[in-house]
Each structure stands twice: as C-alpha cells, then as structure tokens.
Amino acid sequence: MNKTVKILLALAMVALMAAPALALESKLSGFLNVRGIGNNFSATNNYIGTLTDNAKTQNLVDQRLRMKLDTKINDYLSFTYYLEVDMQWGDEQYSNAGRNDGGGIGGDTTNLETKNAYFDVKVPDSTSSFRVGLQGFADHSDYSFFAADMAGVKYKAKLGGADLTAGWFKLIDGDTYGNRTSLLPNIDDVTLWALQAEFKPNANFKFGGDYYYYQNEGSQAYATFLGTADIAAVLAFNGGGGDWTANRQDMNLHYFNGHAEYRLENVVLSGWLEFSTGTADSINNNTATTLTEDLDVQGFAGRLKAATNFGGLKLALAGTYFSGDDNLADGDADFIVNPLATESFAFATDGFMIFTPDIAWNSIGQYGFAMVDAAWAGYGLGSVVLTGAYTPEQMKNAYIKAGVGYFSSLEDKLAANDPRTDRAGTELGTEVYLRVGYRFAKKLDLSINGSYASLGDFYDNNGGGKAVNEATTDIDDPYEVYLKATLFF
C-alpha cells in the first residue's frame, strides 16, 4: 500500500468519524393503513340521492401511506416534510392521472402528495416561534369548521398567562389557481385569518377563545357555497334567474368561538360555543334584471360533553346543536355557513362512520351526512351521542370501542313556499358502531370496524313535494364494515 493510498484511507476514516457530529438530526415517522371495505352506499359528499332501494354492495380495498421527516438544523431552526400516497387496490397503473390512485397491476403511477412542507423558527431568548409553509391547522370546535392543511404563516407565543396562536393562510390565490394567467390583483383570493388564545389557571381548568375571518375577494365559485343544491334552488332571484353558488361575489365571514374544560376527579366536563356572522354578496345573472343583493349570515352552534372512566372503561356523553333556517328566501342565512366544509373533520374523534366523518378514512369514507345534509345545508342539527372504550385488564393490547347516536335536523324545510326543500320530517336517524382491535408487537394495529344507521323521515320520499336532491324511492339504511391493519413507525 503506497503512501498516497494510506493518506486517503486516513482522511476517509476521519470523515466517517466526524460525520455524525456534522449530520443533521432527523426523525422519520408515519403509518401505513390498509382497509378491506364493504358497504351499501358510495356517497362521497351529499348523502341524499346517492342510494336507491336494494342498492348494490360496494367492496374494495384502499390504503394510505403517510411519512413525515422532521429535521433539526440547530436549536432555533427545523424543517418538516410530510408526504402521503393513497390508492385502491386494482384502480390504476402506469398513469399520471393524479392523486388517490396507483394500486393497479404494475403500479408505477404518479401519485405522491405533499401534505406538509414547512420550517419552524424559534426566536432566541423568548417564547415566540414561527411556522412558515404548508402546514396543518384546526379549530377548537371539534373540527366542525376546519381541520386542514393550508399554506401560510403561524405565530405562537406565551404572553402572560395565555398561549397565543395567530395565523395568516392563503387558501386560494385567484391569479394562479387552476393555471389562471390573469394579472388583475385579488381575483378571487381566499384568505383565512386566525387568532387563538388558551388560558390554564390551574391543573383542573382551562379555557380559550378563537376568532377566524374568512375573506373571499372575487366572483369565481371554486366550490359549492352553502352545502347542497337545495339552497342554490331557494336562493334564486326573480323566478330562478340566478343562485348564490353561481353568482356570489365577495364573502366576508367572521367566526367567534369560546371553549372550556373542567376536571373533577374522574369526570371531565367540556364544551364550546360558536357564533358566525358576515355577508356574501351576490349578483343576479337574470338578463331581465340587474338587481344586486347580499346574503346576511348569522348562525350559532355549540356542544356540551361529559366524560369519565372506571378502570379500563371510558364513557362520554355529548349533545350538539347547530342553528337552522326555515326561510332562506328572505335573504338571511340563520345557520353556520361553512365554506370550508370539505376541509372539516367534524366530530371524527367520536368514532362514528356514517353521520359524522370516519376517523380512519383513507381515500374514501369521509362521509358526515348529518353535517352535509343538515347542519351546513341550513336545516340545523341536534344530536346526542354516547361513546365508550374498554381495555381489558388482562389484555392491555386489546380494545373495544362502541357508540350510539341520535341525529335530527331542526327544520324540515328551507322556504315556506318552495316544496323543493321539503322533508317528510326532521329525524335524520340513529347510528351504532363497534370497533374491536388488537395491537400486535406494539406497532401493528389490527381491527374490525362496523357501523349501521337507521334512517329517519328526513330521508323519506315525499311524493309530490320532492326536494332537489331527494331519492325518488325509499332508500336502504346504510351500513359499512371494514377490516383494518395499521403499521406505525
């Protein structure tokens, strides 16, 4: 071995020994979730009209991979990248079609999704920090307003006795959305401004308040506003010359939330109250008339919950209220208008699978029919749910989760003289669910999950006064069952 080789080997050894000290601190985490599903419906949004009598059973397997890489650069800077890949077995192969596909034979589909990409900055000698980029953000209303990934800047700090969070998020930039090339400023820019404050006077009591401002500058309707086509039909001027979805202009919506939690021995009492107000401008596109009107928005929602535990048994009882409106034709919307409905995850932690979104959904299954068909559609919502979870003392890796809930709208029509929105009644129905699982080797969760909903008269066929989205026949009660395997890493 000559001298040059010895020197090169020595330098290589030094580099290898020094590498750990020079390397960034990184952590990879995530999960792979696979479900084999059977149900008798295929709704992806609005439930009304998606089922007929004797509906066919749907069977499929879907999966979701999420991987998050957290990298610490130094004591003040860090970076996070969070990716997602969804697919159904046998759906697409060798395709550039986009997200949520790629399980066909041969695979090789372009389907990598960026869920989060952001960096964190800690301000030296302070409690302040900033998060910049595409990140997750959620409300304190059981995710009933939003729980989504959004691009923006979030500031966090401890000020006095308060934990403060302030955020600015650009939801849509109208100059670039959908490959637009317009050079005009603020063409349908959609922005969310957020302020959250949390207080914890002692170990047993905490409370807080939120304020959100949803600002839509412009006229393009990127998503259905106000939930269902029923509302678009009611809010039509001069005998149907236009509707709010097609003709809305600026939207300025404000949301105020107060929430609290109190612990008393083994009982936890919690709740929140939300008030929304604002306007949605709309221009009638009827060529015979050029009237301009505004829709005034004012709605209330709230929830009370009591939870307790007895050894390995946990129980929770909750009641929920969303205001409704029986006369949308008067130009007022007296309910919680949620333009972010498709980005919410309302009450998913309750564990239901049909009337509220399924917490374990992959690429299909985020239903929430009570929210889409009633609460956000203007009919209002009242519900009472009882849920529980049990871990056997002699089998700590096993669990049983179950729940029963009753759901009802507050109104059975949206306009007194418009039969298109009439329902036969206000009862949405009752849902029961059961989840039984076992955690194998600490990292593999195996479970069977099932839910059944007995539909009420809200979904009945009304005969002559049929609503826009209503089924033409009495529809089957929905059910869903799936086997789930989730590997955590």
Protein backbone atom coordinates (compact mmCIF):
# COMPACT_ATOMS: atom_id res chain seq x y z
CA MET A 1 0.00 0.00 0.00
CA ASN A 2 1.62 3.25 -1.08
CA LYS A 3 1.74 6.45 0.92
CA THR A 4 -0.98 8.19 -1.10
CA VAL A 5 -3.45 5.38 -0.51
CA LYS A 6 -2.68 5.40 3.22
CA ILE A 7 -3.32 9.14 3.39
CA LEU A 8 -6.62 8.81 1.51
CA LEU A 9 -7.76 5.99 3.80
CA ALA A 10 -6.85 8.03 6.86
CA LEU A 11 -8.81 11.02 5.56
CA ALA A 12 -11.79 8.79 4.81
CA MET A 13 -11.74 7.38 8.37
CA VAL A 14 -11.61 10.89 9.82
CA ALA A 15 -14.55 11.94 7.64
CA LEU A 16 -16.60 8.92 8.70
CA MET A 17 -15.87 9.55 12.38
CA ALA A 18 -16.78 13.23 12.03
CA ALA A 19 -19.96 12.65 10.01
CA PRO A 20 -22.29 12.01 12.98
CA ALA A 21 -21.23 15.29 14.55
CA LEU A 22 -21.81 17.19 11.31
CA ALA A 23 -25.04 15.43 10.28
CA LEU A 24 -28.45 16.97 10.85
CA GLU A 25 -30.73 15.37 13.43
CA SER A 26 -33.59 13.74 11.51
CA LYS A 27 -36.54 11.59 12.54
CA LEU A 28 -38.77 9.57 10.21
CA SER A 29 -42.25 8.60 11.38
CA GLY A 30 -45.63 7.71 9.95
CA PHE A 31 -48.03 4.87 9.22
CA LEU A 32 -49.39 2.57 6.51
CA ASN A 33 -53.14 1.97 6.78
CA VAL A 34 -54.91 -0.78 4.76
CA ARG A 35 -58.68 -1.40 4.84
CA GLY A 36 -60.91 -4.04 3.26
CA ILE A 37 -64.32 -2.36 2.99
CA GLY A 38 -67.89 -3.48 2.40
CA ASN A 39 -70.88 -1.13 2.39
CA ASN A 40 -74.15 -0.46 0.58
CA PHE A 41 -73.52 3.12 -0.46
CA SER A 42 -70.89 5.05 -2.37
CA ALA A 43 -71.51 8.64 -1.36
CA THR A 44 -68.52 10.95 -1.25
CA ASN A 45 -70.29 14.15 -0.23
CA ASN A 46 -74.05 14.63 -0.06
CA TYR A 47 -75.94 11.54 1.00
CA ILE A 48 -79.38 12.45 -0.32
CA GLY A 49 -79.99 10.85 -3.69
CA THR A 50 -76.98 8.53 -3.62
CA LEU A 51 -78.90 5.39 -2.67
CA THR A 52 -81.91 3.61 -4.06
CA ASP A 53 -83.89 0.67 -2.79
CA ASN A 54 -81.97 -2.65 -2.90
CA ALA A 55 -78.67 -0.87 -3.51
CA LYS A 56 -75.68 -2.92 -4.62
CA THR A 57 -72.93 -3.75 -2.14
CA GLN A 58 -69.62 -1.99 -2.67
CA ASN A 59 -66.45 -3.96 -1.91
CA LEU A 60 -62.91 -2.63 -2.20
CA VAL A 61 -59.51 -2.37 -0.53
CA ASP A 62 -57.86 1.00 -0.03
CA GLN A 63 -54.63 2.05 1.61
CA ARG A 64 -52.87 5.19 2.81
CA LEU A 65 -49.18 5.80 3.45
CA ARG A 66 -48.05 8.84 5.40
CA MET A 67 -44.38 9.54 6.12
CA LYS A 68 -43.06 12.58 7.98
CA LEU A 69 -39.42 13.65 8.06
CA ASP A 70 -38.55 16.08 10.87
CA THR A 71 -35.07 17.60 10.59
CA LYS A 72 -33.46 19.69 13.32
CA ILE A 73 -30.93 22.11 11.85
CA ASN A 74 -29.94 23.74 15.15
CA ASP A 75 -31.57 24.89 18.38
CA TYR A 76 -33.57 27.54 16.54
CA LEU A 77 -34.35 26.09 13.11
CA SER A 78 -36.06 22.91 11.92
CA PHE A 79 -37.74 21.62 8.78
CA THR A 80 -40.61 19.15 8.20
CA TYR A 81 -41.74 17.33 5.07
CA TYR A 82 -44.87 15.17 5.27
CA LEU A 83 -45.91 13.04 2.28
CA GLU A 84 -48.98 10.95 1.52
CA VAL A 85 -49.82 8.22 -1.01
CA ASP A 86 -53.40 6.91 -1.32
CA MET A 87 -54.80 4.22 -3.60
CA GLN A 88 -57.38 1.49 -4.02
CA TRP A 89 -56.14 -1.96 -4.94
CA GLY A 90 -56.60 -2.55 -8.66
CA ASP A 91 -57.58 1.00 -9.62
CA GLU A 92 -54.87 2.49 -11.92
CA GLN A 93 -51.42 1.65 -13.23
CA TYR A 94 -48.74 3.40 -15.33
CA SER A 95 -50.73 6.60 -15.01
CA ASN A 96 -50.08 10.28 -14.45
CA ALA A 97 -53.74 10.85 -13.62
CA GLY A 98 -53.03 12.21 -10.15
CA ARG A 99 -53.78 11.57 -6.50
CA ASN A 100 -55.56 8.66 -4.79
CA ASP A 101 -54.81 6.06 -7.47
CA GLY A 102 -51.99 3.64 -8.28
CA GLY A 103 -52.99 0.22 -6.97
CA GLY A 104 -53.39 -1.44 -10.37
CA ILE A 105 -51.15 -4.22 -11.65
CA GLY A 106 -47.69 -2.90 -12.36
CA GLY A 107 -48.19 0.16 -10.18
CA ASP A 108 -45.87 2.96 -11.33
CA THR A 109 -48.48 5.70 -11.03
CA THR A 110 -47.56 9.31 -10.29
CA ASN A 111 -49.38 9.77 -7.01
CA LEU A 112 -47.02 11.29 -4.43
CA GLU A 113 -48.83 14.01 -2.46
CA THR A 114 -47.20 16.71 -0.36
CA LYS A 115 -49.25 17.01 2.80
CA ASN A 116 -46.95 19.40 4.68
CA ALA A 117 -43.75 21.28 3.88
CA TYR A 118 -42.72 23.94 6.39
CA PHE A 119 -39.92 25.24 8.57
CA ASP A 120 -40.00 26.33 12.21
CA VAL A 121 -38.13 29.27 13.70
CA LYS A 122 -37.68 29.71 17.45
CA VAL A 123 -36.94 33.29 18.46
CA PRO A 124 -33.89 33.29 20.80
CA ASP A 125 -34.47 34.22 24.44
CA SER A 126 -38.25 34.26 24.05
CA THR A 127 -41.33 32.03 24.00
CA SER A 128 -42.11 33.02 20.42
CA SER A 129 -41.91 30.81 17.34
CA PHE A 130 -42.99 30.91 13.71
CA ARG A 131 -44.07 28.15 11.34
CA VAL A 132 -43.88 29.01 7.64
CA GLY A 133 -45.20 26.92 4.75
CA LEU A 134 -47.87 24.29 4.04
CA GLN A 135 -48.99 23.06 7.47
CA GLY A 136 -51.87 21.56 9.42
CA PHE A 137 -54.26 23.84 11.30
CA ALA A 138 -57.55 23.20 13.10
CA ASP A 139 -60.30 24.90 15.08
CA HIS A 140 -61.38 24.26 18.69
CA SER A 141 -64.93 23.28 17.70
CA ASP A 142 -64.33 19.54 17.38
CA TYR A 143 -63.01 20.22 13.85
CA SER A 144 -66.54 21.18 12.75
CA PHE A 145 -65.32 24.33 10.98
CA PHE A 146 -61.99 23.16 9.59
CA ALA A 147 -59.10 20.75 10.16
CA ALA A 148 -56.93 21.02 7.11
CA ASP A 149 -53.53 21.58 5.56
CA MET A 150 -53.05 25.16 4.40
CA ALA A 151 -50.19 27.37 3.27
CA GLY A 152 -49.33 30.35 5.41
CA VAL A 153 -47.58 31.69 8.50
CA LYS A 154 -48.40 30.74 12.09
CA TYR A 155 -47.05 32.56 15.15
CA LYS A 156 -47.09 31.04 18.66
CA ALA A 157 -46.07 32.59 21.96
CA LYS A 158 -46.74 32.63 25.68
CA LEU A 159 -47.92 36.08 26.71
CA GLY A 160 -48.63 36.43 30.39
CA GLY A 161 -50.88 33.52 31.27
CA ALA A 162 -52.02 32.92 27.71
CA ASP A 163 -50.87 30.58 24.96
CA LEU A 164 -51.38 32.66 21.84
CA THR A 165 -51.59 31.47 18.23
CA ALA A 166 -52.03 33.82 15.28
CA GLY A 167 -52.17 32.75 11.66
CA TRP A 168 -52.48 34.03 8.11
CA PHE A 169 -53.24 31.46 5.41
CA LYS A 170 -53.70 31.82 1.66
CA LEU A 171 -56.34 29.22 0.77
CA ILE A 172 -56.69 30.21 -2.88
CA ASP A 173 -54.76 32.71 -4.98
CA GLY A 174 -57.02 33.64 -7.86
CA ASP A 175 -54.14 34.78 -10.06
CA THR A 176 -52.63 31.29 -10.11
CA TYR A 177 -55.39 28.86 -9.14
CA GLY A 178 -56.18 26.38 -11.91
CA ASN A 179 -53.38 27.72 -14.14
CA ARG A 180 -55.02 31.12 -14.40
CA THR A 181 -52.97 33.81 -16.11
CA SER A 182 -54.92 36.91 -15.09
CA LEU A 183 -52.72 39.81 -14.00
CA LEU A 184 -55.52 41.55 -12.13
CA PRO A 185 -54.97 41.73 -8.36
CA ASN A 186 -57.12 39.81 -5.89
CA ILE A 187 -59.15 37.87 -8.44
CA ASP A 188 -60.96 35.58 -6.06
CA ASP A 189 -58.21 35.39 -3.49
CA VAL A 190 -59.40 33.40 -0.47
CA THR A 191 -57.67 34.12 2.84
CA LEU A 192 -58.12 32.84 6.38
CA TRP A 193 -57.04 35.00 9.32
CA ALA A 194 -56.91 33.25 12.71
CA LEU A 195 -56.37 34.14 16.36
CA GLN A 196 -56.46 31.56 19.18
CA ALA A 197 -55.86 32.17 22.88
CA GLU A 198 -55.66 29.49 25.59
CA PHE A 199 -55.62 30.01 29.37
CA LYS A 200 -54.97 27.45 32.11
CA PRO A 201 -55.44 28.97 35.58
CA ASN A 202 -54.82 25.62 37.30
CA ALA A 203 -54.36 21.92 36.61
CA ASN A 204 -58.12 21.27 36.54
CA PHE A 205 -59.44 24.15 34.47
CA LYS A 206 -58.63 25.62 31.08
CA PHE A 207 -60.50 27.85 28.66
CA GLY A 208 -59.92 29.79 25.49
CA GLY A 209 -61.28 31.83 22.63
CA ASP A 210 -60.86 31.80 18.85
CA TYR A 211 -61.53 34.30 16.08
CA TYR A 212 -61.46 33.43 12.38
CA TYR A 213 -62.00 35.72 9.41
CA TYR A 214 -62.76 34.05 6.09
CA GLN A 215 -62.17 36.57 3.31
CA ASN A 216 -63.09 35.80 -0.29
CA GLU A 217 -62.29 38.58 -2.75
CA GLY A 218 -63.87 37.90 -6.11
CA SER A 219 -66.53 36.11 -8.06
CA GLN A 220 -65.31 32.65 -9.04
CA ALA A 221 -67.17 29.77 -7.38
CA TYR A 222 -64.39 27.26 -6.72
CA ALA A 223 -66.62 25.10 -4.54
CA THR A 224 -70.31 24.86 -3.79
CA PHE A 225 -71.23 27.55 -1.30
CA LEU A 226 -73.78 26.65 1.34
CA GLY A 227 -73.71 22.90 1.02
CA THR A 228 -76.43 21.43 -1.18
CA ALA A 229 -78.24 22.23 -4.39
CA ASP A 230 -81.41 22.78 -2.35
CA ILE A 231 -80.06 26.10 -1.11
CA ALA A 232 -79.00 27.14 -4.59
CA ALA A 233 -82.56 26.47 -5.72
CA VAL A 234 -84.12 28.51 -2.91
CA LEU A 235 -81.76 31.45 -3.17
CA ALA A 236 -82.77 32.19 -6.75
CA PHE A 237 -84.00 35.65 -7.74
CA ASN A 238 -86.99 36.51 -9.92
CA GLY A 239 -88.26 33.03 -10.56
CA GLY A 240 -84.91 31.32 -10.84
CA GLY A 241 -82.77 33.90 -12.59
CA GLY A 242 -79.68 33.05 -10.60
CA ASP A 243 -78.37 31.37 -7.49
CA TRP A 244 -75.80 32.08 -4.80
CA THR A 245 -73.38 29.43 -5.95
CA ALA A 246 -73.05 30.74 -9.49
CA ASN A 247 -73.32 34.45 -8.74
CA ARG A 248 -71.70 35.15 -5.42
CA GLN A 249 -69.16 37.95 -5.18
CA ASP A 250 -67.11 38.86 -2.11
CA MET A 251 -67.64 36.84 1.06
CA ASN A 252 -66.69 38.22 4.45
CA LEU A 253 -67.45 35.72 7.20
CA HIS A 254 -66.48 36.01 10.87
CA TYR A 255 -66.39 33.15 13.39
CA PHE A 256 -66.14 33.54 17.18
CA ASN A 257 -65.55 30.55 19.46
CA GLY A 258 -65.33 30.09 23.20
CA HIS A 259 -64.38 26.75 24.76
CA ALA A 260 -63.61 25.37 28.22
CA GLU A 261 -62.72 22.18 30.08
CA TYR A 262 -63.01 21.37 33.79
CA ARG A 263 -61.72 18.23 35.53
CA LEU A 264 -63.43 16.99 38.69
CA GLU A 265 -61.76 13.83 39.98
CA ASN A 266 -62.53 11.25 37.27
CA VAL A 267 -65.11 13.39 35.44
CA VAL A 268 -64.19 15.82 32.65
CA LEU A 269 -66.74 18.46 31.60
CA SER A 270 -66.08 20.33 28.36
CA GLY A 271 -67.87 22.39 25.78
CA TRP A 272 -67.74 25.13 23.20
CA LEU A 273 -69.99 27.77 21.70
CA GLU A 274 -69.58 29.27 18.23
CA PHE A 275 -71.17 32.29 16.60
CA SER A 276 -70.78 33.24 12.94
CA THR A 277 -71.74 36.44 11.17
CA GLY A 278 -71.00 38.16 7.89
CA THR A 279 -72.19 38.72 4.34
CA ALA A 280 -71.99 37.02 0.97
CA ASP A 281 -72.50 39.41 -1.92
CA SER A 282 -74.43 38.11 -4.91
CA ILE A 283 -75.32 39.49 -8.34
CA ASN A 284 -78.40 38.28 -10.19
CA ASN A 285 -77.48 37.00 -13.64
CA ASN A 286 -81.03 37.26 -14.95
CA THR A 287 -80.68 39.34 -18.11
CA ALA A 288 -84.05 40.97 -17.48
CA THR A 289 -82.99 42.42 -14.15
CA THR A 290 -79.73 43.71 -12.73
CA LEU A 291 -80.52 43.62 -9.05
CA THR A 292 -77.69 43.27 -6.57
CA GLU A 293 -78.34 41.72 -3.17
CA ASP A 294 -76.37 40.49 -0.19
CA LEU A 295 -76.91 37.37 1.87
CA ASP A 296 -76.67 38.15 5.59
CA VAL A 297 -75.22 35.31 7.65
CA GLN A 298 -75.77 34.71 11.35
CA GLY A 299 -75.59 31.28 12.98
CA PHE A 300 -74.93 29.52 16.26
CA ALA A 301 -73.51 26.15 17.22
CA GLY A 302 -72.39 24.51 20.43
CA ARG A 303 -71.54 21.30 22.21
CA LEU A 304 -71.50 20.02 25.80
CA LYS A 305 -69.67 16.85 26.77
CA ALA A 306 -69.15 14.83 29.96
CA ALA A 307 -66.52 12.08 30.10
CA THR A 308 -65.49 9.66 32.83
CA ASN A 309 -63.57 6.43 33.33
CA PHE A 310 -63.84 3.37 35.55
CA GLY A 311 -60.69 1.30 35.41
CA GLY A 312 -60.34 0.21 31.82
CA LEU A 313 -63.71 1.65 30.76
CA LYS A 314 -64.09 5.16 29.36
CA LEU A 315 -67.51 6.72 28.71
CA ALA A 316 -68.55 10.01 27.12
CA LEU A 317 -71.94 11.66 26.63
CA ALA A 318 -72.25 14.68 24.31
CA GLY A 319 -75.00 16.90 22.96
CA THR A 320 -74.57 19.07 19.86
CA TYR A 321 -76.58 21.96 18.40
CA PHE A 322 -76.38 23.82 15.05
CA SER A 323 -78.96 26.51 14.31
CA GLY A 324 -81.26 26.15 11.30
CA ASP A 325 -83.26 28.43 9.00
CA ASP A 326 -86.78 27.75 7.70
CA ASN A 327 -86.90 30.76 5.35
CA LEU A 328 -83.71 31.21 3.35
CA ALA A 329 -85.69 33.11 0.71
CA ASP A 330 -85.69 36.21 2.95
CA GLY A 331 -82.01 36.86 2.20
CA ASP A 332 -80.76 35.78 5.63
CA ALA A 333 -78.87 32.58 6.45
CA ASP A 334 -79.52 31.89 10.13
CA PHE A 335 -77.13 28.97 10.42
CA ILE A 336 -73.40 28.24 10.47
CA VAL A 337 -72.25 28.79 6.90
CA ASN A 338 -69.12 26.76 6.31
CA PRO A 339 -67.32 27.42 3.01
CA LEU A 340 -64.60 25.04 4.26
CA ALA A 341 -66.98 22.09 4.64
CA THR A 342 -64.89 19.75 2.50
CA GLU A 343 -61.87 20.52 4.70
CA SER A 344 -63.51 19.84 8.05
CA PHE A 345 -63.49 16.66 10.11
CA ALA A 346 -66.49 17.31 12.33
CA PHE A 347 -66.65 15.16 15.49
CA ALA A 348 -64.47 12.46 13.93
CA THR A 349 -62.98 11.59 17.32
CA ASP A 350 -66.42 10.34 18.44
CA GLY A 351 -65.80 7.25 16.32
CA PHE A 352 -68.91 7.20 14.12
CA MET A 353 -68.62 6.27 10.44
CA ILE A 354 -71.76 7.49 8.66
CA PHE A 355 -73.49 10.53 10.18
CA THR A 356 -70.16 12.14 11.13
CA PRO A 357 -66.80 11.60 9.37
CA ASP A 358 -64.91 8.35 9.94
CA ILE A 359 -61.63 8.99 11.73
CA ALA A 360 -59.99 6.06 9.91
CA TRP A 361 -60.84 7.03 6.34
CA ASN A 362 -58.23 6.77 3.60
CA SER A 363 -59.21 7.87 0.10
CA ILE A 364 -62.95 7.19 0.55
CA GLY A 365 -65.23 7.29 3.56
CA GLN A 366 -65.22 10.85 4.89
CA TYR A 367 -68.99 10.97 4.85
CA GLY A 368 -70.53 13.05 7.65
CA PHE A 369 -74.07 13.05 6.27
CA ALA A 370 -75.55 14.78 9.32
CA MET A 371 -73.23 17.71 8.69
CA VAL A 372 -73.54 17.95 4.90
CA ASP A 373 -77.25 17.19 4.61
CA ALA A 374 -78.45 19.11 7.68
CA ALA A 375 -76.07 21.29 9.72
CA TRP A 376 -74.31 23.01 6.80
CA ALA A 377 -77.31 22.82 4.46
CA GLY A 378 -79.41 25.18 6.57
CA TYR A 379 -81.70 22.65 8.27
CA GLY A 380 -79.74 22.79 11.53
CA LEU A 381 -78.70 19.85 13.66
CA GLY A 382 -79.34 18.41 17.09
CA SER A 383 -77.63 15.24 18.25
CA VAL A 384 -76.95 13.20 21.37
CA VAL A 385 -74.17 10.60 21.33
CA LEU A 386 -72.92 8.07 23.88
CA THR A 387 -69.50 6.56 23.22
CA GLY A 388 -67.21 4.23 25.12
CA ALA A 389 -63.86 2.47 25.01
CA TYR A 390 -62.77 -0.57 27.01
CA THR A 391 -59.32 -2.09 27.53
CA PRO A 392 -59.41 -5.47 29.34
CA GLU A 393 -57.23 -5.59 32.44
CA GLN A 394 -55.70 -8.92 31.43
CA MET A 395 -55.18 -7.94 27.77
CA LYS A 396 -53.75 -4.43 27.58
CA ASN A 397 -53.12 -4.64 23.83
CA ALA A 398 -56.80 -5.27 23.03
CA TYR A 399 -59.58 -2.70 22.86
CA ILE A 400 -63.29 -2.36 22.23
CA LYS A 401 -64.85 0.93 21.12
CA ALA A 402 -68.56 1.48 20.63
CA GLY A 403 -71.12 4.22 20.33
CA VAL A 404 -74.75 5.08 19.68
CA GLY A 405 -76.00 8.44 18.46
CA TYR A 406 -79.29 10.08 17.58
CA PHE A 407 -79.26 12.81 14.91
CA SER A 408 -82.00 15.23 13.89
CA SER A 409 -82.36 18.40 11.87
CA LEU A 410 -84.14 21.37 13.43
CA GLU A 411 -86.12 22.29 10.33
CA ASP A 412 -87.89 20.22 7.66
CA LYS A 413 -87.92 22.95 5.01
CA LEU A 414 -85.77 25.90 3.93
CA ALA A 415 -88.51 28.08 2.48
CA ALA A 416 -92.21 28.25 3.30
CA ASN A 417 -93.42 28.33 -0.30
CA ASP A 418 -90.77 26.24 -2.03
CA PRO A 419 -91.53 22.48 -1.95
CA ARG A 420 -88.11 21.67 -3.43
CA THR A 421 -86.64 21.79 0.08
CA ASP A 422 -89.45 20.00 1.93
CA ARG A 423 -88.59 16.93 4.00
CA ALA A 424 -91.08 14.47 5.43
CA GLY A 425 -89.72 15.19 8.90
CA THR A 426 -86.67 16.20 10.91
CA GLU A 427 -85.35 12.82 12.06
CA LEU A 428 -82.05 12.01 10.36
CA GLY A 429 -81.69 8.71 12.18
CA THR A 430 -79.77 6.65 14.71
CA GLU A 431 -76.30 5.20 14.22
CA VAL A 432 -74.49 2.48 16.17
CA TYR A 433 -70.88 1.45 15.68
CA LEU A 434 -68.44 -1.12 17.05
CA ARG A 435 -64.65 -1.32 16.72
CA VAL A 436 -62.66 -4.27 18.11
CA GLY A 437 -58.89 -4.32 17.80
CA TYR A 438 -55.57 -5.65 18.99
CA ARG A 439 -52.13 -4.01 18.96
CA PHE A 440 -49.57 -6.60 17.82
CA ALA A 441 -45.88 -6.11 18.69
CA LYS A 442 -46.72 -2.54 19.79
CA LYS A 443 -46.68 -1.22 16.21
CA LEU A 444 -49.30 -3.15 14.22
CA ASP A 445 -52.95 -2.35 14.95
CA LEU A 446 -55.44 -4.96 13.67
CA SER A 447 -59.17 -4.27 13.95
CA ILE A 448 -62.66 -4.96 12.65
CA ASN A 449 -64.96 -1.94 12.39
CA GLY A 450 -68.65 -1.73 11.63
CA SER A 451 -71.47 0.79 11.67
CA TYR A 452 -75.19 0.81 10.86
CA ALA A 453 -77.56 3.78 10.55
CA SER A 454 -81.34 3.55 10.77
CA LEU A 455 -82.57 6.47 8.66
CA GLY A 456 -85.41 8.70 9.80
CA ASP A 457 -88.17 10.54 7.95
CA PHE A 458 -85.81 13.31 6.83
CA TYR A 459 -84.71 10.89 4.11
CA ASP A 460 -88.19 9.62 3.17
CA ASN A 461 -89.62 10.14 -0.30
CA ASN A 462 -92.14 12.96 -0.04
CA GLY A 463 -94.07 12.21 -3.20
CA GLY A 464 -95.30 15.45 -4.80
CA GLY A 465 -93.04 17.88 -2.96
CA LYS A 466 -89.78 16.15 -3.78
CA ALA A 467 -86.61 18.01 -2.84
CA VAL A 468 -83.93 18.67 -5.43
CA ASN A 469 -81.52 16.04 -4.12
CA GLU A 470 -84.03 13.64 -2.63
CA ALA A 471 -84.14 9.97 -3.55
CA THR A 472 -87.03 9.01 -5.82
CA THR A 473 -87.75 5.90 -3.74
CA ASP A 474 -87.37 4.99 -0.10
CA ILE A 475 -83.71 4.21 0.40
CA ASP A 476 -81.95 1.45 2.31
CA ASP A 477 -80.46 2.04 5.72
CA PRO A 478 -76.69 2.41 5.20
CA TYR A 479 -74.04 0.20 6.74
CA GLU A 480 -70.29 -0.16 6.47
CA VAL A 481 -67.85 -2.83 7.67
CA TYR A 482 -64.10 -2.99 7.19
CA LEU A 483 -61.04 -4.88 8.35
CA LYS A 484 -58.15 -2.53 9.08
CA ALA A 485 -54.42 -3.06 9.53
CA THR A 486 -52.28 -0.06 10.51
CA LEU A 487 -48.50 -0.24 10.84
CA PHE A 488 -46.93 2.61 12.79
CA PHE A 489 -43.26 3.52 12.50
